[in-house]
Amino acid sequence: MHKQRNTFSSIYLLLLLLTAFVLQPAQAEVKLKPHVLASQQAGNAADILAATRTSLQSAGFEIAGEYSPYKGTTVIIVTNDELKKNAAASTHGGFGAMQRVSVSTVADQVQVAFTNPVWMANVYRMNSDLSAVREQLQAALGMVRDFGAEGKTAAQLRKYHYKIFMPYFDDPFELQSFASYDEAIKAVEAGLQAGWGGTSKVYRIDVPGKQESVFGVALTRECSGDEFIMGKIDFAEIKSATHLPYELLVSGKDVLALHAKFRIAQSFPELSMVGENSFFSIMCAPGEIEEALGNIVKGESEPDETE
């Protein structure tokens, strides 16, 4: 009888192990998308924008900045202690120190959307997956559905690039190096204040415990401009304005930005390579964005025509 009980125990243990083995891959295969539609309703856009701000602040988020990149769209940038803590624990984590919330008027509807923190945490290779921040945003703003991609796993996102030979997260634009972090910050603040390269400052978030700060940059000049780019690629019924604004990172003495071919693609991973509304339609943008952001720290309002 004792031997029979041992046999049953062994079989039961084996079944538990097999169940865990089967479930683990299934959990790992959760498909993520870059944006979350929180709500879509008829109403006054100004009232919905004000209510969105209030909901975010009531949920413990700090509003770091806000801007309207083009008519009918406002983007609110938020952060909190959890986002800053995760940024501090991650390499170049400042790129993920915030989340973006958009309020877009489309026909007679007002759409409220936010970046998916779990997507961002994985595509930016951060220490935590920010699932708790996702829950906070969803509780504050609502949830209709995720959108913006067929879906990618966390593992796929951590090695994401758009196509072969395209840049990864760790292939940023290296814009300029200075003698110190303080000098780099001073140069960026001065360049944004002057509007070099058709830019302006939307927000600044300092990462605690590190010499690292992230700036949100509005872009307005020609092919680097927010309105030009989004007018070409944000053509779907549900708007992806949470892509904006572009980030510039001061990390130590270095000033960096995510490569545009990575930064744009991770927000629009299903965008086709060619066609009327495609990466081909904004093929001028990556170089123009690098130039505009570089002009901030080089003190140039226009590109050097002699180069």
Protein backbone atom coordinates (compact mmCIF):
# COMPACT_ATOMS: atom_id res chain seq x y z
CA MET A 1 0.00 0.00 0.00
CA HIS A 2 2.87 2.34 0.90
CA LYS A 3 4.51 1.59 -2.43
CA GLN A 4 1.23 2.35 -4.27
CA ARG A 5 0.92 5.76 -2.52
CA ASN A 6 4.49 6.58 -3.57
CA THR A 7 3.62 5.66 -7.15
CA PHE A 8 0.53 7.92 -7.14
CA SER A 9 2.60 10.75 -5.60
CA SER A 10 5.24 10.40 -8.29
CA ILE A 11 2.60 10.44 -11.06
CA TYR A 12 0.94 13.51 -9.51
CA LEU A 13 4.28 15.33 -9.28
CA LEU A 14 5.06 14.43 -12.88
CA LEU A 15 1.68 15.81 -14.01
CA LEU A 16 2.33 19.07 -12.15
CA LEU A 17 5.72 19.42 -13.81
CA LEU A 18 4.25 18.69 -17.24
CA THR A 19 1.47 21.26 -16.67
CA ALA A 20 4.02 23.89 -15.67
CA PHE A 21 6.10 23.07 -18.73
CA VAL A 22 3.09 23.44 -21.04
CA LEU A 23 1.79 26.64 -19.42
CA GLN A 24 5.11 28.48 -19.28
CA PRO A 25 5.57 28.78 -23.05
CA ALA A 26 1.91 29.76 -23.42
CA GLN A 27 2.36 32.62 -20.96
CA ALA A 28 5.55 33.72 -22.70
CA GLU A 29 3.70 33.92 -26.00
CA VAL A 30 1.44 36.80 -24.94
CA LYS A 31 1.27 39.19 -27.90
CA LEU A 32 1.81 42.86 -27.11
CA LYS A 33 0.79 45.97 -29.07
CA PRO A 34 2.26 49.49 -28.82
CA HIS A 35 -0.85 51.59 -28.13
CA VAL A 36 -4.01 51.32 -26.02
CA LEU A 37 -7.33 52.92 -26.93
CA ALA A 38 -8.79 54.02 -23.60
CA SER A 39 -12.03 55.56 -24.83
CA GLN A 40 -13.82 56.83 -27.92
CA GLN A 41 -16.89 59.00 -27.56
CA ALA A 42 -18.76 62.00 -28.86
CA GLY A 43 -18.21 65.09 -26.77
CA ASN A 44 -16.36 68.33 -26.31
CA ALA A 45 -12.63 67.75 -26.82
CA ALA A 46 -11.62 70.46 -24.34
CA ASP A 47 -13.81 68.92 -21.63
CA ILE A 48 -12.47 65.42 -22.31
CA LEU A 49 -8.90 66.75 -22.26
CA ALA A 50 -9.50 68.43 -18.89
CA ALA A 51 -11.09 65.27 -17.49
CA THR A 52 -8.15 63.22 -18.77
CA ARG A 53 -5.67 65.47 -16.96
CA THR A 54 -7.69 65.21 -13.75
CA SER A 55 -7.94 61.41 -13.98
CA LEU A 56 -4.19 61.06 -14.53
CA GLN A 57 -3.32 63.27 -11.57
CA SER A 58 -5.86 61.53 -9.33
CA ALA A 59 -4.19 58.23 -10.23
CA GLY A 60 -0.84 59.54 -8.98
CA PHE A 61 0.73 60.55 -12.28
CA GLU A 62 2.76 63.73 -12.62
CA ILE A 63 2.14 65.70 -15.81
CA ALA A 64 5.62 66.44 -17.13
CA GLY A 65 4.48 68.30 -20.24
CA GLU A 66 1.79 68.74 -22.84
CA TYR A 67 1.63 70.00 -26.42
CA SER A 68 -0.52 70.07 -29.53
CA PRO A 69 1.58 68.89 -32.49
CA TYR A 70 -1.21 69.71 -34.95
CA LYS A 71 -4.87 70.68 -34.98
CA GLY A 72 -7.25 68.33 -33.19
CA THR A 73 -4.55 66.51 -31.21
CA THR A 74 -3.04 67.04 -27.76
CA VAL A 75 -0.39 64.81 -26.20
CA ILE A 76 0.09 64.69 -22.43
CA ILE A 77 3.34 63.29 -21.06
CA VAL A 78 3.20 61.69 -17.61
CA THR A 79 5.62 60.07 -15.21
CA ASN A 80 5.59 58.72 -11.65
CA ASP A 81 7.93 57.19 -9.09
CA GLU A 82 7.66 53.69 -10.59
CA LEU A 83 8.59 54.90 -14.08
CA LYS A 84 11.54 56.90 -12.75
CA LYS A 85 12.72 54.01 -10.58
CA ASN A 86 12.64 51.63 -13.54
CA ALA A 87 14.46 54.18 -15.69
CA ALA A 88 17.19 54.46 -13.06
CA ALA A 89 17.64 50.67 -13.04
CA SER A 90 17.84 50.35 -16.85
CA THR A 91 20.53 51.20 -19.39
CA HIS A 92 19.44 54.41 -21.13
CA GLY A 93 16.23 53.96 -19.16
CA GLY A 94 15.39 57.63 -19.54
CA PHE A 95 13.82 56.77 -22.89
CA GLY A 96 11.13 54.94 -20.91
CA ALA A 97 10.79 57.33 -17.96
CA MET A 98 7.44 58.55 -19.22
CA GLN A 99 4.20 57.44 -20.82
CA ARG A 100 2.28 59.43 -23.41
CA VAL A 101 -1.48 60.04 -23.52
CA SER A 102 -3.20 61.45 -26.60
CA VAL A 103 -6.56 63.14 -27.01
CA SER A 104 -7.49 63.20 -30.71
CA THR A 105 -10.58 64.50 -32.44
CA VAL A 106 -11.53 62.26 -35.37
CA ALA A 107 -14.74 63.25 -37.20
CA ASP A 108 -17.34 63.54 -34.43
CA GLN A 109 -15.48 61.32 -31.96
CA VAL A 110 -12.80 62.07 -29.37
CA GLN A 111 -10.25 59.30 -28.90
CA VAL A 112 -8.16 58.97 -25.74
CA ALA A 113 -5.20 56.62 -26.07
CA PHE A 114 -1.98 55.85 -24.22
CA THR A 115 1.30 54.09 -24.87
CA ASN A 116 1.39 50.48 -23.69
CA PRO A 117 3.94 50.52 -20.84
CA VAL A 118 4.64 46.80 -21.22
CA TRP A 119 5.46 47.22 -24.92
CA MET A 120 7.70 50.18 -24.13
CA ALA A 121 9.48 48.38 -21.28
CA ASN A 122 10.36 45.47 -23.52
CA VAL A 123 11.22 47.31 -26.72
CA TYR A 124 13.50 49.62 -24.67
CA ARG A 125 14.99 46.63 -22.80
CA MET A 126 14.05 47.94 -19.36
CA ASN A 127 14.51 46.20 -16.04
CA SER A 128 10.80 45.92 -15.12
CA ASP A 129 7.94 45.20 -17.53
CA LEU A 130 5.86 48.11 -16.12
CA SER A 131 2.71 45.99 -15.95
CA ALA A 132 1.68 47.83 -12.76
CA VAL A 133 1.87 51.15 -14.63
CA ARG A 134 -0.29 49.67 -17.38
CA GLU A 135 -2.90 48.77 -14.76
CA GLN A 136 -2.77 52.30 -13.29
CA LEU A 137 -3.30 53.95 -16.67
CA GLN A 138 -6.09 51.57 -17.56
CA ALA A 139 -7.85 52.20 -14.23
CA ALA A 140 -7.52 55.97 -14.70
CA LEU A 141 -8.47 56.27 -18.36
CA GLY A 142 -10.34 53.12 -19.35
CA MET A 143 -9.68 50.35 -21.83
CA VAL A 144 -11.28 49.54 -25.18
CA ARG A 145 -8.52 47.60 -26.93
CA ASP A 146 -4.83 47.48 -27.70
CA PHE A 147 -3.86 48.46 -31.24
CA GLY A 148 -1.02 49.30 -33.60
CA ALA A 149 0.38 45.87 -34.46
CA GLU A 150 -0.58 42.25 -35.04
CA GLY A 151 1.34 41.64 -31.84
CA LYS A 152 4.82 40.72 -30.70
CA THR A 153 6.09 38.79 -27.70
CA ALA A 154 8.29 40.35 -25.04
CA ALA A 155 11.22 38.29 -26.33
CA GLN A 156 10.69 39.57 -29.87
CA LEU A 157 10.52 43.16 -28.64
CA ARG A 158 13.76 42.93 -26.70
CA LYS A 159 15.60 42.29 -29.96
CA TYR A 160 13.27 44.33 -32.17
CA HIS A 161 14.25 46.03 -35.38
CA TYR A 162 12.07 46.74 -38.40
CA LYS A 163 13.96 44.84 -41.08
CA ILE A 164 17.36 43.28 -41.65
CA PHE A 165 20.16 45.86 -41.52
CA MET A 166 17.84 48.31 -39.72
CA PRO A 167 18.92 49.78 -36.33
CA TYR A 168 18.13 48.31 -32.92
CA PHE A 169 17.48 50.07 -29.60
CA ASP A 170 21.21 50.12 -28.90
CA ASP A 171 22.07 51.84 -32.21
CA PRO A 172 21.12 55.44 -31.28
CA PHE A 173 22.03 58.73 -32.91
CA GLU A 174 25.14 59.92 -31.05
CA LEU A 175 24.58 63.65 -31.35
CA GLN A 176 27.32 65.23 -29.25
CA SER A 177 29.63 64.71 -26.27
CA PHE A 178 30.55 67.34 -23.71
CA ALA A 179 33.05 67.66 -20.89
CA SER A 180 30.38 66.91 -18.29
CA TYR A 181 26.71 66.14 -17.71
CA ASP A 182 26.09 69.70 -16.55
CA GLU A 183 27.57 71.14 -19.75
CA ALA A 184 25.46 68.77 -21.85
CA ILE A 185 22.27 69.79 -20.01
CA LYS A 186 23.14 73.47 -20.40
CA ALA A 187 23.66 73.06 -24.15
CA VAL A 188 20.39 71.18 -24.66
CA GLU A 189 18.36 73.69 -22.65
CA ALA A 190 19.91 76.59 -24.55
CA GLY A 191 19.37 74.97 -27.95
CA LEU A 192 15.73 74.19 -27.24
CA GLN A 193 15.15 77.68 -25.88
CA ALA A 194 16.61 79.13 -29.09
CA GLY A 195 14.57 76.76 -31.25
CA TRP A 196 17.59 75.47 -33.15
CA GLY A 197 16.63 73.05 -35.90
CA GLY A 198 12.95 73.96 -35.70
CA THR A 199 12.64 72.38 -32.25
CA SER A 200 11.07 73.31 -28.93
CA LYS A 201 10.96 71.76 -25.47
CA VAL A 202 7.87 69.81 -24.42
CA TYR A 203 9.16 68.36 -21.15
CA ARG A 204 12.23 67.35 -19.15
CA ILE A 205 12.40 64.42 -16.74
CA ASP A 206 15.49 63.84 -14.59
CA VAL A 207 16.21 60.20 -13.75
CA PRO A 208 16.88 59.88 -9.99
CA GLY A 209 20.30 58.71 -8.85
CA LYS A 210 21.85 59.01 -12.31
CA GLN A 211 23.31 61.73 -14.47
CA GLU A 212 20.55 61.17 -16.99
CA SER A 213 17.73 63.39 -18.25
CA VAL A 214 15.23 62.92 -21.04
CA PHE A 215 13.74 65.79 -23.04
CA GLY A 216 10.62 65.71 -25.16
CA VAL A 217 11.20 67.64 -28.38
CA ALA A 218 8.59 69.09 -30.70
CA LEU A 219 9.77 69.04 -34.31
CA THR A 220 8.39 71.47 -36.89
CA ARG A 221 10.87 71.77 -39.74
CA GLU A 222 10.07 70.24 -43.11
CA CYS A 223 10.48 66.46 -43.29
CA SER A 224 11.50 66.15 -39.65
CA GLY A 225 8.25 67.81 -38.54
CA ASP A 226 5.73 65.97 -36.39
CA GLU A 227 2.81 67.08 -38.53
CA PHE A 228 4.47 66.09 -41.81
CA ILE A 229 5.43 62.61 -40.59
CA MET A 230 2.13 61.82 -38.89
CA GLY A 231 0.20 63.15 -41.87
CA LYS A 232 1.85 60.44 -43.96
CA ILE A 233 1.81 57.42 -41.64
CA ASP A 234 -0.92 57.91 -39.00
CA PHE A 235 -3.74 57.19 -41.44
CA ALA A 236 -5.64 54.46 -39.56
CA GLU A 237 -9.08 55.11 -38.05
CA ILE A 238 -7.66 54.89 -34.52
CA LYS A 239 -4.89 57.48 -34.20
CA SER A 240 -1.40 56.71 -32.90
CA ALA A 241 -0.52 60.21 -31.72
CA THR A 242 1.02 58.61 -28.62
CA HIS A 243 4.08 58.17 -30.85
CA LEU A 244 4.90 61.83 -30.13
CA PRO A 245 6.99 63.68 -29.12
CA TYR A 246 10.51 62.55 -30.01
CA GLU A 247 13.01 62.11 -27.17
CA LEU A 248 16.53 63.43 -26.68
CA LEU A 249 18.57 61.84 -23.88
CA VAL A 250 21.46 63.32 -21.91
CA SER A 251 23.28 60.34 -20.41
CA GLY A 252 26.40 61.42 -18.57
CA LYS A 253 28.31 63.68 -20.92
CA ASP A 254 26.68 62.24 -24.05
CA VAL A 255 23.60 63.50 -25.91
CA LEU A 256 21.71 60.70 -27.68
CA ALA A 257 18.45 60.05 -29.50
CA LEU A 258 16.92 56.80 -30.65
CA HIS A 259 17.59 56.17 -34.31
CA ALA A 260 14.53 57.35 -36.26
CA LYS A 261 14.35 54.09 -38.21
CA PHE A 262 13.93 52.34 -34.85
CA ARG A 263 11.90 54.96 -32.98
CA ILE A 264 9.27 55.37 -35.71
CA ALA A 265 9.11 51.67 -36.52
CA GLN A 266 8.49 50.58 -32.93
CA SER A 267 5.38 52.82 -32.88
CA PHE A 268 4.26 51.70 -36.35
CA PRO A 269 5.60 48.14 -36.70
CA GLU A 270 3.02 47.12 -39.31
CA LEU A 271 3.71 50.06 -41.63
CA SER A 272 4.63 48.87 -45.11
CA MET A 273 8.00 49.61 -46.66
CA VAL A 274 6.62 51.09 -49.90
CA GLY A 275 3.40 52.74 -51.05
CA GLU A 276 1.54 56.01 -50.59
CA ASN A 277 1.40 55.74 -46.79
CA SER A 278 4.60 53.92 -45.97
CA PHE A 279 8.16 54.31 -44.77
CA PHE A 280 9.04 55.24 -48.33
CA SER A 281 6.73 58.27 -48.05
CA ILE A 282 8.87 59.59 -45.17
CA MET A 283 12.25 58.34 -46.39
CA CYS A 284 13.66 61.85 -45.83
CA ALA A 285 12.64 61.85 -42.15
CA PRO A 286 15.43 59.86 -40.40
CA GLY A 287 18.21 62.07 -41.72
CA GLU A 288 16.20 65.26 -41.14
CA ILE A 289 15.36 64.23 -37.56
CA GLU A 290 19.01 63.48 -36.77
CA GLU A 291 19.98 66.84 -38.23
CA ALA A 292 17.29 68.77 -36.34
CA LEU A 293 18.17 67.16 -33.01
CA GLY A 294 21.87 67.59 -33.69
CA ASN A 295 21.34 71.29 -34.35
CA ILE A 296 20.03 71.68 -30.78
CA VAL A 297 23.45 70.91 -29.31
CA LYS A 298 25.51 72.38 -32.13
CA GLY A 299 23.79 75.76 -31.96
CA GLU A 300 22.59 75.79 -35.55
CA SER A 301 19.20 76.92 -36.78
CA GLU A 302 19.64 75.41 -40.23
CA PRO A 303 21.78 72.61 -41.65
CA ASP A 304 25.26 73.47 -42.82
CA GLU A 305 24.95 73.82 -46.60
CA THR A 306 28.68 73.16 -47.05
CA GLU A 307 28.51 69.65 -45.65
